[in-house]
Protein backbone atom coordinates (compact mmCIF):
# COMPACT_ATOMS: atom_id res chain seq x y z
CA MET A 1 14.61 22.02 12.00
CA LEU A 2 18.76 22.51 11.95
CA VAL A 3 20.77 20.49 10.30
CA THR A 4 24.74 20.92 10.93
CA ARG A 5 26.82 21.85 7.73
CA PHE A 6 29.64 20.11 7.71
CA PRO A 7 33.59 21.06 6.61
CA VAL A 8 34.49 20.07 3.34
CA PRO A 9 38.14 18.13 4.62
CA ALA A 10 41.32 19.51 2.79
CA ALA A 11 42.95 16.89 0.13
CA GLU A 12 45.95 15.14 0.90
CA PRO A 13 48.74 15.56 -1.15
CA ARG A 14 49.97 12.84 -3.72
CA ASP A 15 52.38 10.83 -4.56
CA GLU A 16 53.05 11.62 -7.89
CA ALA A 17 55.43 8.81 -8.40
CA LEU A 18 52.67 6.02 -7.11
CA TRP A 19 50.04 8.15 -9.16
CA GLN A 20 52.00 7.65 -12.54
CA ARG A 21 52.56 3.81 -10.92
CA ALA A 22 48.55 3.22 -10.34
CA LEU A 23 48.04 5.26 -14.00
CA ALA A 24 49.95 2.72 -16.24
CA LEU A 25 48.22 -0.46 -13.99
CA HIS A 26 45.01 1.24 -14.85
CA ARG A 27 45.18 1.36 -18.41
CA SER A 28 46.34 -1.91 -18.96
CA ALA A 29 43.95 -3.30 -16.38
CA ILE A 30 40.19 -4.48 -17.34
CA VAL A 31 38.47 -2.23 -15.38
CA VAL A 32 34.24 -3.24 -14.72
CA ASP A 33 31.70 -1.43 -13.65
CA GLY A 34 28.59 -3.15 -12.74
CA HIS A 35 26.02 -1.07 -11.98
CA ASN A 36 25.56 2.75 -13.84
CA ASP A 37 22.12 4.04 -14.12
CA ILE A 38 23.08 6.85 -17.19
CA THR A 39 19.57 4.43 -19.20
CA GLY A 40 17.49 7.17 -17.29
CA ALA A 41 18.58 10.28 -18.70
CA MET A 42 19.35 8.27 -22.23
CA THR A 43 15.30 6.78 -22.05
CA ASP A 44 13.78 9.80 -20.93
CA ASP A 45 15.27 12.55 -21.84
CA GLY A 46 16.95 10.77 -25.13
CA TYR A 47 20.65 11.90 -23.79
CA ASN A 48 23.64 11.54 -26.08
CA LEU A 49 26.45 10.08 -24.28
CA ALA A 50 28.77 12.02 -26.07
CA THR A 51 27.74 15.10 -24.79
CA PRO A 52 29.89 16.65 -21.66
CA SER A 53 27.73 16.61 -18.98
CA ALA A 54 29.92 17.61 -15.57
CA GLY A 55 28.03 18.70 -12.66
CA LYS A 56 24.82 16.57 -14.44
CA HIS A 57 25.59 13.76 -14.42
CA HIS A 58 28.16 11.02 -13.39
CA THR A 59 28.67 9.50 -17.31
CA ASP A 60 29.43 10.62 -20.23
CA LEU A 61 31.75 9.02 -23.07
CA PRO A 62 34.76 11.43 -22.31
CA ARG A 63 34.69 10.75 -19.11
CA LEU A 64 34.25 6.98 -19.10
CA ARG A 65 37.29 7.22 -21.92
CA GLU A 66 39.38 9.40 -18.87
CA GLY A 67 38.77 7.30 -15.92
CA GLY A 68 39.94 4.39 -18.35
CA VAL A 69 36.59 2.18 -17.77
CA SER A 70 36.75 -0.95 -20.27
CA ALA A 71 32.93 -2.30 -18.97
CA LEU A 72 30.10 -0.91 -18.18
CA PHE A 73 26.58 -2.41 -17.53
CA PHE A 74 23.87 -0.09 -17.98
CA ALA A 75 21.03 -0.97 -15.94
CA ILE A 76 17.86 -1.39 -17.40
CA TYR A 77 15.97 -0.39 -14.43
CA VAL A 78 12.33 -0.48 -13.53
CA ASP A 79 10.96 1.74 -11.13
CA HIS A 80 8.18 0.44 -9.18
CA LYS A 81 5.16 3.26 -10.55
CA PHE A 82 5.60 1.02 -14.06
CA VAL A 83 5.05 -1.88 -11.39
CA THR A 84 2.03 -0.44 -9.85
CA ASN A 85 0.44 1.23 -13.18
CA ASN A 86 1.48 -2.56 -14.88
CA THR A 87 4.19 -1.18 -17.63
CA ALA A 88 7.32 -2.58 -15.78
CA THR A 89 8.24 -4.90 -19.18
CA ARG A 90 7.37 -1.89 -21.36
CA ARG A 91 9.51 -0.01 -19.75
CA ALA A 92 12.34 -2.51 -19.54
CA LEU A 93 11.73 -2.92 -23.32
CA ALA A 94 12.29 1.06 -24.03
CA VAL A 95 15.48 1.31 -21.73
CA ILE A 96 16.89 -1.74 -23.49
CA ASP A 97 16.09 -0.09 -26.64
CA ALA A 98 17.46 3.26 -25.68
CA THR A 99 20.74 1.43 -24.55
CA HIS A 100 20.75 -0.41 -27.67
CA ARG A 101 20.25 2.68 -29.62
CA GLU A 102 23.28 4.23 -27.58
CA ILE A 103 25.64 1.88 -28.48
CA GLU A 104 24.84 2.24 -32.27
CA ARG A 105 25.48 5.46 -31.98
CA HIS A 106 29.06 5.01 -31.42
CA PRO A 107 29.83 2.42 -32.87
CA ASN A 108 34.27 3.68 -32.61
CA ASP A 109 33.12 4.16 -28.68
CA LEU A 110 30.45 1.79 -27.15
CA VAL A 111 30.24 -2.72 -28.65
CA LEU A 112 27.23 -4.66 -27.30
CA CYS A 113 28.99 -7.58 -25.72
CA THR A 114 26.79 -10.71 -24.05
CA THR A 115 29.86 -12.53 -23.27
CA ALA A 116 33.03 -11.95 -21.22
CA ALA A 117 35.20 -12.81 -23.66
CA GLY A 118 33.33 -10.42 -26.00
CA ILE A 119 34.61 -7.76 -22.83
CA ARG A 120 38.59 -8.71 -23.22
CA ALA A 121 37.86 -8.27 -27.43
CA ALA A 122 36.61 -5.17 -26.83
CA LYS A 123 39.86 -3.77 -24.29
CA GLN A 124 42.12 -5.17 -26.72
CA SER A 125 39.62 -3.06 -30.18
CA GLY A 126 40.16 0.20 -27.66
CA ARG A 127 36.20 0.78 -27.25
CA ILE A 128 33.68 0.08 -23.93
CA ALA A 129 32.33 -2.88 -23.60
CA ALA A 130 28.26 -1.98 -23.35
CA LEU A 131 26.51 -4.63 -21.29
CA MET A 132 22.99 -4.52 -19.53
CA GLY A 133 21.66 -5.60 -15.97
CA ALA A 134 18.00 -5.71 -15.59
CA GLU A 135 17.35 -3.81 -12.10
CA ASN A 136 13.96 -5.40 -10.66
CA GLY A 137 13.00 -8.60 -11.01
CA ALA A 138 9.03 -7.42 -11.10
CA ALA A 139 10.37 -5.89 -15.02
CA ILE A 140 9.49 -10.56 -15.99
CA GLU A 141 5.99 -9.37 -15.24
CA ASP A 142 6.33 -13.41 -13.60
CA SER A 143 6.98 -14.65 -16.94
CA LEU A 144 10.19 -16.90 -18.12
CA ALA A 145 9.56 -15.96 -21.59
CA THR A 146 9.89 -12.61 -20.43
CA LEU A 147 12.91 -13.23 -18.89
CA ARG A 148 14.42 -15.00 -22.04
CA ALA A 149 13.77 -12.47 -24.13
CA PHE A 150 15.38 -10.08 -22.12
CA HIS A 151 18.05 -12.68 -22.52
CA ARG A 152 18.04 -12.83 -26.27
CA LEU A 153 18.07 -9.16 -26.39
CA GLY A 154 21.81 -9.28 -24.50
CA VAL A 155 20.57 -8.64 -20.83
CA ARG A 156 23.14 -10.74 -19.17
CA TYR A 157 21.94 -10.08 -15.11
CA LEU A 158 18.77 -9.68 -13.46
CA THR A 159 18.45 -8.15 -10.11
CA LEU A 160 15.64 -10.17 -8.28
CA THR A 161 14.31 -6.96 -6.18
CA HIS A 162 14.30 -3.42 -6.12
CA MET A 163 13.44 -1.92 -3.37
CA GLN A 164 10.09 -3.40 -3.07
CA ALA A 165 9.28 -6.80 -2.54
CA THR A 166 8.19 -8.71 -6.06
CA THR A 167 5.59 -10.94 -6.57
CA TRP A 168 7.81 -14.11 -6.08
CA ALA A 169 11.59 -12.45 -4.11
CA ASP A 170 11.48 -10.31 -0.97
CA ALA A 171 13.61 -6.74 -0.95
CA SER A 172 15.78 -6.07 1.65
CA THR A 173 13.73 -2.97 2.44
CA ALA A 174 10.52 -3.60 2.49
CA PRO A 175 8.29 -5.89 4.64
CA PRO A 176 8.45 -9.87 3.63
CA ARG A 177 6.14 -11.09 1.78
CA HIS A 178 7.31 -14.83 1.02
CA GLN A 179 10.24 -15.87 3.11
CA GLY A 180 12.28 -15.39 0.45
CA LEU A 181 12.26 -17.04 -2.50
CA SER A 182 8.66 -18.03 -3.51
CA ASP A 183 8.34 -21.47 -5.73
CA PHE A 184 8.08 -19.31 -8.89
CA GLY A 185 10.96 -17.23 -7.91
CA LYS A 186 13.52 -20.45 -7.55
CA SER A 187 11.88 -21.77 -10.92
CA VAL A 188 13.74 -17.60 -12.03
CA VAL A 189 16.92 -18.65 -10.70
CA ARG A 190 17.07 -22.12 -12.02
CA GLU A 191 16.39 -20.75 -15.73
CA MET A 192 18.53 -18.04 -15.05
CA ASN A 193 21.03 -20.60 -14.37
CA ARG A 194 20.23 -22.32 -17.48
CA LEU A 195 20.72 -19.28 -19.42
CA GLY A 196 23.85 -18.38 -18.28
CA MET A 197 22.35 -15.39 -16.84
CA MET A 198 23.68 -13.88 -14.11
CA VAL A 199 21.42 -13.78 -10.76
CA ASP A 200 22.25 -10.46 -8.91
CA VAL A 201 21.22 -10.41 -5.22
CA SER A 202 22.06 -6.34 -4.82
CA HIS A 203 18.81 -5.00 -2.96
CA VAL A 204 16.98 -8.32 -2.17
CA ALA A 205 16.55 -9.29 1.39
CA ASP A 206 19.02 -11.68 3.51
CA LYS A 207 16.66 -14.23 3.30
CA THR A 208 16.09 -13.77 -0.79
CA MET A 209 19.67 -14.61 -0.76
CA SER A 210 20.45 -17.56 1.62
CA ASP A 211 17.85 -18.71 -0.65
CA VAL A 212 19.45 -18.34 -3.84
CA LEU A 213 22.60 -19.34 -2.66
CA ASP A 214 20.70 -22.79 -1.84
CA LEU A 215 19.54 -23.40 -5.21
CA THR A 216 21.86 -22.12 -7.67
CA ILE A 217 24.54 -24.01 -9.98
CA ALA A 218 25.84 -21.08 -10.67
CA PRO A 219 28.12 -18.13 -9.36
CA ILE A 220 25.77 -15.03 -8.37
CA ILE A 221 27.26 -11.75 -8.42
CA ALA A 222 26.34 -8.74 -6.04
CA SER A 223 26.54 -5.75 -8.38
CA HIS A 224 26.46 -2.73 -5.82
CA SER A 225 26.29 -3.61 -2.70
CA SER A 226 28.76 -3.20 0.15
CA ALA A 227 29.36 -4.41 3.74
CA ARG A 228 26.87 -4.22 6.57
CA ALA A 229 29.70 -4.23 9.49
CA LEU A 230 30.93 -1.65 8.25
CA ALA A 231 27.50 0.75 8.21
CA PRO A 232 24.25 -1.46 9.43
CA HIS A 233 22.25 -0.51 6.45
CA PRO A 234 20.28 -3.28 5.15
CA ARG A 235 21.45 -2.92 1.91
CA ASN A 236 24.37 -4.49 2.77
CA ILE A 237 25.54 -7.70 2.92
CA PRO A 238 26.40 -9.22 5.95
CA ASP A 239 29.47 -11.24 7.17
CA ASP A 240 27.60 -14.31 6.97
CA LEU A 241 26.37 -14.18 3.94
CA LEU A 242 30.05 -12.96 2.55
CA LYS A 243 31.40 -15.79 3.23
CA ARG A 244 28.59 -18.28 1.59
CA ILE A 245 29.44 -16.00 -1.85
CA ALA A 246 32.45 -16.83 -0.98
CA THR A 247 31.89 -20.12 -1.18
CA ASN A 248 29.63 -20.04 -4.32
CA GLY A 249 32.87 -18.71 -6.26
CA GLY A 250 30.78 -15.18 -6.94
CA VAL A 251 31.29 -11.84 -6.84
CA VAL A 252 30.61 -8.78 -4.57
CA MET A 253 31.21 -4.60 -6.40
CA VAL A 254 31.07 -2.47 -3.75
CA ASN A 255 28.91 0.33 -4.04
CA PHE A 256 29.51 3.59 -3.60
CA TYR A 257 26.84 5.47 -2.32
CA PRO A 258 27.84 7.30 0.96
CA GLY A 259 23.74 7.43 2.18
CA TYR A 260 25.12 2.95 2.55
CA ILE A 261 28.97 3.07 2.65
CA ASP A 262 29.22 5.95 5.74
CA PRO A 263 27.15 5.75 8.49
CA ARG A 264 27.07 9.13 9.69
CA ILE A 265 25.12 10.21 6.57
CA SER A 266 22.27 7.75 7.07
CA VAL A 267 21.46 10.32 10.68
CA VAL A 268 21.12 13.82 8.80
CA LEU A 269 19.48 11.67 5.59
CA GLU A 270 16.47 10.63 8.51
CA GLN A 271 16.58 14.56 9.82
CA LEU A 272 16.23 15.65 5.79
CA GLN A 273 13.97 12.66 4.52
CA PRO A 274 10.39 14.48 4.73
CA GLU A 275 12.21 17.40 2.10
CA LEU A 276 13.69 14.24 0.35
CA ASP A 277 10.40 12.79 -0.12
CA ALA A 278 8.56 15.72 -1.08
CA LEU A 279 11.29 16.42 -3.55
CA ARG A 280 10.82 12.74 -5.15
CA ALA A 281 6.95 13.48 -5.30
CA GLN A 282 7.59 16.77 -7.04
CA TRP A 283 10.06 15.46 -9.79
CA ARG A 284 9.04 11.24 -9.85
CA ASP A 285 8.88 12.15 -13.81
CA GLN A 286 12.35 13.39 -14.26
CA PRO A 287 14.87 11.57 -12.15
CA ALA A 288 17.65 13.02 -13.38
CA ARG A 289 16.10 16.45 -11.94
CA SER A 290 14.61 15.00 -8.68
CA ARG A 291 18.41 13.82 -8.49
CA ALA A 292 19.61 17.52 -8.38
CA GLU A 293 17.37 19.48 -6.88
CA ARG A 294 17.92 16.57 -3.47
CA ARG A 295 21.37 16.98 -3.95
CA LYS A 296 20.92 20.88 -3.98
CA LEU A 297 19.19 20.28 -0.49
CA MET A 298 21.62 18.75 0.76
CA GLU A 299 25.06 20.13 -0.55
CA GLY A 300 26.48 21.10 2.53
CA ARG A 301 24.61 18.84 5.10
CA LEU A 302 26.17 15.55 4.91
CA PRO A 303 29.64 15.00 5.67
CA VAL A 304 31.57 14.64 2.99
CA THR A 305 32.53 10.21 2.77
CA PRO A 306 36.45 9.98 1.84
CA LEU A 307 37.29 7.88 -0.93
CA ALA A 308 38.87 5.58 2.20
CA VAL A 309 35.33 4.82 3.11
CA VAL A 310 34.52 3.02 -0.58
CA ILE A 311 37.70 1.68 0.34
CA ASP A 312 37.81 0.50 3.16
CA HIS A 313 34.46 -1.75 2.67
CA ILE A 314 36.73 -3.37 -0.35
CA GLU A 315 39.20 -4.30 2.19
CA HIS A 316 37.02 -5.52 4.41
CA VAL A 317 35.19 -8.12 1.78
CA ILE A 318 38.51 -9.28 1.10
CA LYS A 319 38.94 -10.08 4.63
CA VAL A 320 35.90 -11.74 5.17
CA ALA A 321 35.44 -13.51 1.45
CA GLY A 322 38.83 -13.64 0.32
CA ILE A 323 40.59 -11.16 -2.72
CA ASN A 324 39.00 -12.89 -5.29
CA HIS A 325 35.30 -12.39 -4.54
CA VAL A 326 35.65 -8.66 -4.45
CA GLY A 327 34.82 -5.93 -7.99
CA LEU A 328 33.11 -2.15 -8.34
CA GLY A 329 29.61 -1.24 -8.62
CA SER A 330 29.34 2.38 -8.72
CA ASP A 331 25.85 3.61 -8.61
CA PHE A 332 26.67 6.10 -11.09
CA ASP A 333 23.73 8.28 -11.96
CA GLY A 334 21.51 6.45 -9.93
CA ILE A 335 22.78 8.49 -6.68
CA SER A 336 22.35 12.00 -5.81
CA ILE A 337 25.30 12.10 -3.50
CA VAL A 338 28.86 11.21 -3.99
CA PRO A 339 32.04 10.31 -2.15
CA ALA A 340 34.92 12.85 -2.35
CA ASP A 341 37.58 11.49 -5.40
CA LEU A 342 35.34 9.62 -5.96
CA ARG A 343 32.60 12.29 -8.38
CA ASP A 344 31.95 10.28 -11.32
CA VAL A 345 33.51 8.11 -13.92
CA SER A 346 36.44 9.66 -14.78
CA MET A 347 37.45 9.26 -11.64
CA PHE A 348 37.64 5.32 -10.87
CA PRO A 349 42.42 5.50 -11.27
CA ASN A 350 41.80 6.66 -7.82
CA ILE A 351 39.92 3.59 -6.89
CA THR A 352 43.68 2.06 -8.40
CA TYR A 353 45.49 4.94 -6.51
CA GLU A 354 44.92 3.96 -2.92
CA LEU A 355 44.87 0.16 -3.05
CA LEU A 356 48.62 0.55 -4.26
CA LYS A 357 48.55 3.09 -1.43
CA ARG A 358 47.19 0.74 1.21
CA GLY A 359 49.83 -2.27 -0.44
CA HIS A 360 47.52 -4.29 -2.48
CA SER A 361 50.01 -5.86 -5.30
CA GLU A 362 49.18 -5.00 -8.98
CA ALA A 363 48.19 -8.72 -9.44
CA ASP A 364 45.67 -8.39 -6.64
CA VAL A 365 44.16 -4.72 -8.02
CA LYS A 366 43.44 -6.41 -11.24
CA LYS A 367 41.53 -8.85 -9.29
CA ILE A 368 39.40 -6.05 -7.78
CA LEU A 369 39.03 -3.78 -11.09
CA GLY A 370 37.77 -6.45 -13.26
CA GLU A 371 39.43 -9.87 -13.41
CA ASN A 372 37.27 -11.64 -10.64
CA PHE A 373 33.82 -10.84 -11.75
CA LEU A 374 35.52 -11.64 -15.71
CA ARG A 375 35.96 -15.17 -13.97
CA VAL A 376 32.34 -15.39 -12.32
CA PHE A 377 30.66 -14.10 -16.04
CA ALA A 378 33.27 -17.08 -17.84
CA GLU A 379 31.71 -19.62 -14.91
CA VAL A 380 28.35 -18.79 -14.80
CA GLU A 381 28.37 -19.00 -19.05
CA ARG A 382 29.99 -22.61 -18.37
CA ARG A 383 27.63 -23.58 -16.38
CA ALA A 384 24.77 -22.36 -18.49
CA THR A 385 22.67 -25.88 -19.65
CA ALA A 386 20.49 -24.43 -22.13
CA LYS A 387 21.90 -26.12 -25.59
CA PRO A 388 21.45 -24.65 -29.51
CA ASP A 389 18.68 -27.46 -30.40
CA GLN A 390 17.24 -27.25 -26.99
CA ILE A 391 13.37 -26.09 -27.18
CA SER A 392 13.62 -22.52 -25.26
CA GLY A 393 12.62 -22.98 -21.39
CA GLY A 394 12.58 -27.02 -21.91
CA PRO A 395 10.22 -29.78 -23.31
CA GLU A 396 6.85 -28.54 -21.99
CA GLY A 397 7.75 -24.63 -23.01
CA ARG A 398 7.23 -23.43 -19.50
CA THR A 399 6.52 -19.91 -19.56
CA ARG A 400 5.39 -19.36 -15.79
């Protein structure tokens, strides 16, 4: 099989005065990353975030500090293999536990946050707000009681699906089973609204997203999704649904993965797919090794996605949904290739620089970096109807 090797483009010279302005703005802003998968290494390899890991992982504490990241959602990701062997909830609990342990290990750097106000307080204290979002609704194993338990443990969003449909919601990358949300899926959304838990529509099918928007009484998030109009991948969101998310008051947190945001990549990835699948199978129980091996295979064979493509997606969401409905969701450590100038968490200031370079105001840049998300988070909390003196799940105490 012949796969073209692409040259790496030369970097443009940087405007030093604008860079210094960008750094000052970035340091003053609350910078929220809606989705980071370093939890896999923390859970399976005992990875310590204080360990410098450039070249192996995208995330460590020194680089989070360098990148000015104020708040990070640690992904409580449950792979489909745990669903098929009926250990999805056990896996989610293991990842939640690993996340709590890592926060406890670094009390001067990390603080567990479960509210929008907590993120602001963490910024004031000089610590990074550590939050949790569960990725894959199969993790609750069809139990509202488990959903509530996750919320009590600090999980503040649930991505309704991953790559496969759950027993109650359809995914964007698998054949439909329910034509959107099942009746139980609707119960999940209602219970999340009641709890003040954000409904995350990244990964879900368009019809699932539409059903959520029909039902929810609170703003929703897409924790790591981009614009389908610029890259026709099903993981991206079409314009009609971007508009509906804006009407809902939600936020779309733009994903950095070149395979989703750069249409040139998909052609080459299709050629490489058999080899990539073989590596996934070979290293199925070692996610970090799997990503490293796939990254090695792809080096030099894929066109380099410039940072400008990420900015293009941000600007498209602004054009369609408005400036108040866009944020950032890197997917770092869950992806095997990254854009130029966004190689890891230390490079978030490059986004601020590019946005200023394109003429966005400092106030609007702060919205993109984190203020839009904080508004949504606070509104989800405000809309919650759960009361301290209420029986969890309502008077009937239902679990399904």
